[in-house]
Amino acid sequence: MKADEEKTDEGPAGPAWLNDRIVEALELSSGGAQGIRRRFSGRGVEGTVERKMPDRE
């Protein structure tokens, strides 16, 4: 599947959106949308929204 054909999950609130529609609606780059999707799948909602602090001394 091409990146522009990726869809979000459908749910009770409505149908799935194509990646292009998400990028346009949220004014993101396609890479930005993919990064958010990747963080969400690895960290969940809270981990995606909360900013990770760097491990510095």
PDB file of N, CA and C in Angstrom:
ATOM      1  N   MET A   1       0.845  -1.171   0.000  1.00  0.00           N
ATOM      2  CA  MET A   1       0.000   0.000   0.000  1.00  0.00           C
ATOM      3  C   MET A   1       0.889   1.232   0.000  1.00  0.00           C
ATOM      4  N   LYS A   2       0.595   2.204  -0.841  1.00  0.00           N
ATOM      5  CA  LYS A   2       1.345   3.444  -0.904  1.00  0.00           C
ATOM      6  C   LYS A   2       1.026   4.300   0.311  1.00  0.00           C
ATOM      7  N   ALA A   3       1.981   5.168   0.689  1.00  0.00           N
ATOM      8  CA  ALA A   3       1.784   6.034   1.863  1.00  0.00           C
ATOM      9  C   ALA A   3       0.555   6.922   1.704  1.00  0.00           C
ATOM     10  N   ASP A   4       0.269   7.391   0.480  1.00  0.00           N
ATOM     11  CA  ASP A   4      -0.884   8.264   0.288  1.00  0.00           C
ATOM     12  C   ASP A   4      -2.200   7.501   0.336  1.00  0.00           C
ATOM     13  N   GLU A   5      -2.143   6.174   0.371  1.00  0.00           N
ATOM     14  CA  GLU A   5      -3.347   5.365   0.446  1.00  0.00           C
ATOM     15  C   GLU A   5      -3.595   4.822   1.852  1.00  0.00           C
ATOM     16  N   GLU A   6      -2.677   5.116   2.802  1.00  0.00           N
ATOM     17  CA  GLU A   6      -2.866   4.642   4.175  1.00  0.00           C
ATOM     18  C   GLU A   6      -4.118   5.272   4.751  1.00  0.00           C
ATOM     19  N   LYS A   7      -4.842   4.497   5.538  1.00  0.00           N
ATOM     20  CA  LYS A   7      -6.059   4.995   6.159  1.00  0.00           C
ATOM     21  C   LYS A   7      -5.970   4.850   7.664  1.00  0.00           C
ATOM     22  N   THR A   8      -6.666   5.734   8.351  1.00  0.00           N
ATOM     23  CA  THR A   8      -6.832   5.564   9.780  1.00  0.00           C
ATOM     24  C   THR A   8      -7.924   4.531   9.984  1.00  0.00           C
ATOM     25  N   ASP A   9      -8.050   4.060  11.202  1.00  0.00           N
ATOM     26  CA  ASP A   9      -9.105   3.096  11.501  1.00  0.00           C
ATOM     27  C   ASP A   9     -10.467   3.757  11.447  1.00  0.00           C
ATOM     28  N   GLU A  10     -11.441   3.017  10.967  1.00  0.00           N
ATOM     29  CA  GLU A  10     -12.813   3.491  11.003  1.00  0.00           C
ATOM     30  C   GLU A  10     -13.362   3.256  12.394  1.00  0.00           C
ATOM     31  N   GLY A  11     -14.334   4.055  12.758  1.00  0.00           N
ATOM     32  CA  GLY A  11     -14.947   3.890  14.066  1.00  0.00           C
ATOM     33  C   GLY A  11     -16.353   4.444  14.081  1.00  0.00           C
ATOM     34  N   PRO A  12     -16.992   4.429  15.243  1.00  0.00           N
ATOM     35  CA  PRO A  12     -18.364   4.919  15.355  1.00  0.00           C
ATOM     36  C   PRO A  12     -18.505   6.393  14.975  1.00  0.00           C
ATOM     37  N   ALA A  13     -17.418   7.152  15.129  1.00  0.00           N
ATOM     38  CA  ALA A  13     -17.477   8.584  14.824  1.00  0.00           C
ATOM     39  C   ALA A  13     -17.390   8.875  13.332  1.00  0.00           C
ATOM     40  N   GLY A  14     -17.013   7.892  12.522  1.00  0.00           N
ATOM     41  CA  GLY A  14     -16.946   8.148  11.099  1.00  0.00           C
ATOM     42  C   GLY A  14     -16.021   7.206  10.358  1.00  0.00           C
ATOM     43  N   PRO A  15     -15.924   7.412   9.047  1.00  0.00           N
ATOM     44  CA  PRO A  15     -15.112   6.544   8.195  1.00  0.00           C
ATOM     45  C   PRO A  15     -13.619   6.855   8.311  1.00  0.00           C
ATOM     46  N   ALA A  16     -12.813   5.948   7.815  1.00  0.00           N
ATOM     47  CA  ALA A  16     -11.367   6.149   7.793  1.00  0.00           C
ATOM     48  C   ALA A  16     -11.008   7.269   6.822  1.00  0.00           C
ATOM     49  N   TRP A  17      -9.942   7.992   7.124  1.00  0.00           N
ATOM     50  CA  TRP A  17      -9.440   9.042   6.244  1.00  0.00           C
ATOM     51  C   TRP A  17      -8.179   8.557   5.555  1.00  0.00           C
ATOM     52  N   LEU A  18      -8.009   8.944   4.303  1.00  0.00           N
ATOM     53  CA  LEU A  18      -6.755   8.700   3.608  1.00  0.00           C
ATOM     54  C   LEU A  18      -5.683   9.612   4.186  1.00  0.00           C
ATOM     55  N   ASN A  19      -4.431   9.180   4.120  1.00  0.00           N
ATOM     56  CA  ASN A  19      -3.320   9.955   4.653  1.00  0.00           C
ATOM     57  C   ASN A  19      -3.308  11.379   4.099  1.00  0.00           C
ATOM     58  N   ASP A  20      -3.590  11.559   2.812  1.00  0.00           N
ATOM     59  CA  ASP A  20      -3.589  12.891   2.205  1.00  0.00           C
ATOM     60  C   ASP A  20      -4.600  13.821   2.875  1.00  0.00           C
ATOM     61  N   ARG A  21      -5.745  13.289   3.250  1.00  0.00           N
ATOM     62  CA  ARG A  21      -6.776  14.108   3.902  1.00  0.00           C
ATOM     63  C   ARG A  21      -6.330  14.513   5.309  1.00  0.00           C
ATOM     64  N   ILE A  22      -5.684  13.610   6.027  1.00  0.00           N
ATOM     65  CA  ILE A  22      -5.166  13.908   7.363  1.00  0.00           C
ATOM     66  C   ILE A  22      -4.110  15.000   7.281  1.00  0.00           C
ATOM     67  N   VAL A  23      -3.176  14.858   6.343  1.00  0.00           N
ATOM     68  CA  VAL A  23      -2.099  15.831   6.154  1.00  0.00           C
ATOM     69  C   VAL A  23      -2.675  17.213   5.866  1.00  0.00           C
ATOM     70  N   GLU A  24      -3.661  17.277   5.003  1.00  0.00           N
ATOM     71  CA  GLU A  24      -4.271  18.562   4.653  1.00  0.00           C
ATOM     72  C   GLU A  24      -5.049  19.151   5.837  1.00  0.00           C
ATOM     73  N   ALA A  25      -5.855  18.341   6.497  1.00  0.00           N
ATOM     74  CA  ALA A  25      -6.699  18.831   7.590  1.00  0.00           C
ATOM     75  C   ALA A  25      -5.874  19.331   8.774  1.00  0.00           C
ATOM     76  N   LEU A  26      -4.771  18.653   9.068  1.00  0.00           N
ATOM     77  CA  LEU A  26      -3.959  19.007  10.232  1.00  0.00           C
ATOM     78  C   LEU A  26      -2.740  19.853   9.880  1.00  0.00           C
ATOM     79  N   GLU A  27      -2.617  20.197   8.589  1.00  0.00           N
ATOM     80  CA  GLU A  27      -1.507  21.006   8.091  1.00  0.00           C
ATOM     81  C   GLU A  27      -0.157  20.411   8.503  1.00  0.00           C
ATOM     82  N   LEU A  28       0.016  19.134   8.195  1.00  0.00           N
ATOM     83  CA  LEU A  28       1.249  18.402   8.475  1.00  0.00           C
ATOM     84  C   LEU A  28       1.928  18.024   7.179  1.00  0.00           C
ATOM     85  N   SER A  29       3.196  17.666   7.291  1.00  0.00           N
ATOM     86  CA  SER A  29       3.859  17.020   6.158  1.00  0.00           C
ATOM     87  C   SER A  29       3.481  15.547   6.208  1.00  0.00           C
ATOM     88  N   SER A  30       3.659  14.832   5.109  1.00  0.00           N
ATOM     89  CA  SER A  30       3.335  13.408   5.142  1.00  0.00           C
ATOM     90  C   SER A  30       4.261  12.678   6.110  1.00  0.00           C
ATOM     91  N   GLY A  31       5.513  13.121   6.228  1.00  0.00           N
ATOM     92  CA  GLY A  31       6.437  12.526   7.195  1.00  0.00           C
ATOM     93  C   GLY A  31       6.005  12.795   8.629  1.00  0.00           C
ATOM     94  N   GLY A  32       5.445  13.973   8.875  1.00  0.00           N
ATOM     95  CA  GLY A  32       4.944  14.299  10.212  1.00  0.00           C
ATOM     96  C   GLY A  32       3.797  13.400  10.614  1.00  0.00           C
ATOM     97  N   ALA A  33       2.892  13.161   9.690  1.00  0.00           N
ATOM     98  CA  ALA A  33       1.752  12.276   9.967  1.00  0.00           C
ATOM     99  C   ALA A  33       2.238  10.851  10.221  1.00  0.00           C
ATOM    100  N   GLN A  34       3.215  10.402   9.464  1.00  0.00           N
ATOM    101  CA  GLN A  34       3.756   9.053   9.658  1.00  0.00           C
ATOM    102  C   GLN A  34       4.472   8.938  10.997  1.00  0.00           C
ATOM    103  N   GLY A  35       5.180  10.001  11.410  1.00  0.00           N
ATOM    104  CA  GLY A  35       5.862   9.988  12.701  1.00  0.00           C
ATOM    105  C   GLY A  35       4.881   9.899  13.860  1.00  0.00           C
ATOM    106  N   ILE A  36       3.792  10.647  13.761  1.00  0.00           N
ATOM    107  CA  ILE A  36       2.755  10.595  14.798  1.00  0.00           C
ATOM    108  C   ILE A  36       2.145   9.206  14.856  1.00  0.00           C
ATOM    109  N   ARG A  37       1.857   8.638  13.705  1.00  0.00           N
ATOM    110  CA  ARG A  37       1.287   7.286  13.649  1.00  0.00           C
ATOM    111  C   ARG A  37       2.241   6.264  14.273  1.00  0.00           C
ATOM    112  N   ARG A  38       3.545   6.410  13.983  1.00  0.00           N
ATOM    113  CA  ARG A  38       4.551   5.499  14.528  1.00  0.00           C
ATOM    114  C   ARG A  38       4.650   5.643  16.053  1.00  0.00           C
ATOM    115  N   ARG A  39       4.676   6.898  16.558  1.00  0.00           N
ATOM    116  CA  ARG A  39       4.736   7.106  18.013  1.00  0.00           C
ATOM    117  C   ARG A  39       3.493   6.567  18.694  1.00  0.00           C
ATOM    118  N   PHE A  40       2.328   6.778  18.090  1.00  0.00           N
ATOM    119  CA  PHE A  40       1.084   6.288  18.682  1.00  0.00           C
ATOM    120  C   PHE A  40       1.102   4.769  18.800  1.00  0.00           C
ATOM    121  N   SER A  41       1.566   4.099  17.767  1.00  0.00           N
ATOM    122  CA  SER A  41       1.570   2.633  17.812  1.00  0.00           C
ATOM    123  C   SER A  41       2.562   2.107  18.845  1.00  0.00           C
ATOM    124  N   GLY A  42       3.621   2.843  19.130  1.00  0.00           N
ATOM    125  CA  GLY A  42       4.607   2.399  20.099  1.00  0.00           C
ATOM    126  C   GLY A  42       4.365   2.877  21.518  1.00  0.00           C
ATOM    127  N   ARG A  43       3.736   4.058  21.664  1.00  0.00           N
ATOM    128  CA  ARG A  43       3.605   4.672  22.987  1.00  0.00           C
ATOM    129  C   ARG A  43       2.174   4.889  23.451  1.00  0.00           C
ATOM    130  N   GLY A  44       1.214   4.791  22.540  1.00  0.00           N
ATOM    131  CA  GLY A  44      -0.174   5.070  22.898  1.00  0.00           C
ATOM    132  C   GLY A  44      -0.465   6.567  22.865  1.00  0.00           C
ATOM    133  N   VAL A  45      -1.684   6.945  23.237  1.00  0.00           N
ATOM    134  CA  VAL A  45      -2.114   8.347  23.162  1.00  0.00           C
ATOM    135  C   VAL A  45      -1.252   9.234  24.052  1.00  0.00           C
ATOM    136  N   GLU A  46      -1.129   8.880  25.320  1.00  0.00           N
ATOM    137  CA  GLU A  46      -0.391   9.732  26.255  1.00  0.00           C
ATOM    138  C   GLU A  46       1.064   9.884  25.853  1.00  0.00           C
ATOM    139  N   GLY A  47       1.687   8.814  25.436  1.00  0.00           N
ATOM    140  CA  GLY A  47       3.075   8.870  25.006  1.00  0.00           C
ATOM    141  C   GLY A  47       3.276   9.662  23.732  1.00  0.00           C
ATOM    142  N   THR A  48       2.247   9.767  22.922  1.00  0.00           N
ATOM    143  CA  THR A  48       2.332  10.552  21.694  1.00  0.00           C
ATOM    144  C   THR A  48       2.173  12.026  21.990  1.00  0.00           C
ATOM    145  N   VAL A  49       1.286  12.356  22.913  1.00  0.00           N
ATOM    146  CA  VAL A  49       0.994  13.754  23.231  1.00  0.00           C
ATOM    147  C   VAL A  49       2.056  14.342  24.163  1.00  0.00           C
ATOM    148  N   GLU A  50       2.480  13.561  25.146  1.00  0.00           N
ATOM    149  CA  GLU A  50       3.490  14.031  26.092  1.00  0.00           C
ATOM    150  C   GLU A  50       4.850  14.057  25.415  1.00  0.00           C
ATOM    151  N   ARG A  51       5.585  15.105  25.630  1.00  0.00           N
ATOM    152  CA  ARG A  51       6.900  15.227  25.035  1.00  0.00           C
ATOM    153  C   ARG A  51       7.913  14.433  25.843  1.00  0.00           C
ATOM    154  N   LYS A  52       8.703  13.620  25.187  1.00  0.00           N
ATOM    155  CA  LYS A  52       9.716  12.809  25.852  1.00  0.00           C
ATOM    156  C   LYS A  52      10.919  13.696  26.160  1.00  0.00           C
ATOM    157  N   MET A  53      11.330  13.692  27.410  1.00  0.00           N
ATOM    158  CA  MET A  53      12.491  14.493  27.818  1.00  0.00           C
ATOM    159  C   MET A  53      13.768  13.721  27.470  1.00  0.00           C
ATOM    160  N   PRO A  54      14.779  14.418  26.936  1.00  0.00           N
ATOM    161  CA  PRO A  54      16.027  13.732  26.588  1.00  0.00           C
ATOM    162  C   PRO A  54      16.765  13.273  27.842  1.00  0.00           C
ATOM    163  N   ASP A  55      17.536  12.204  27.696  1.00  0.00           N
ATOM    164  CA  ASP A  55      18.327  11.675  28.812  1.00  0.00           C
ATOM    165  C   ASP A  55      19.639  12.432  28.871  1.00  0.00           C
ATOM    166  N   ARG A  56      19.631  13.567  29.565  1.00  0.00           N
ATOM    167  CA  ARG A  56      20.831  14.395  29.691  1.00  0.00           C
ATOM    168  C   ARG A  56      21.153  14.596  31.156  1.00  0.00           C
ATOM    169  N   GLU A  57      22.431  14.849  31.401  1.00  0.00           N
ATOM    170  CA  GLU A  57      22.843  15.122  32.787  1.00  0.00           C
ATOM    171  C   GLU A  57      23.086  16.596  32.961  1.00  0.00           C
TER     172      GLU A  57
END
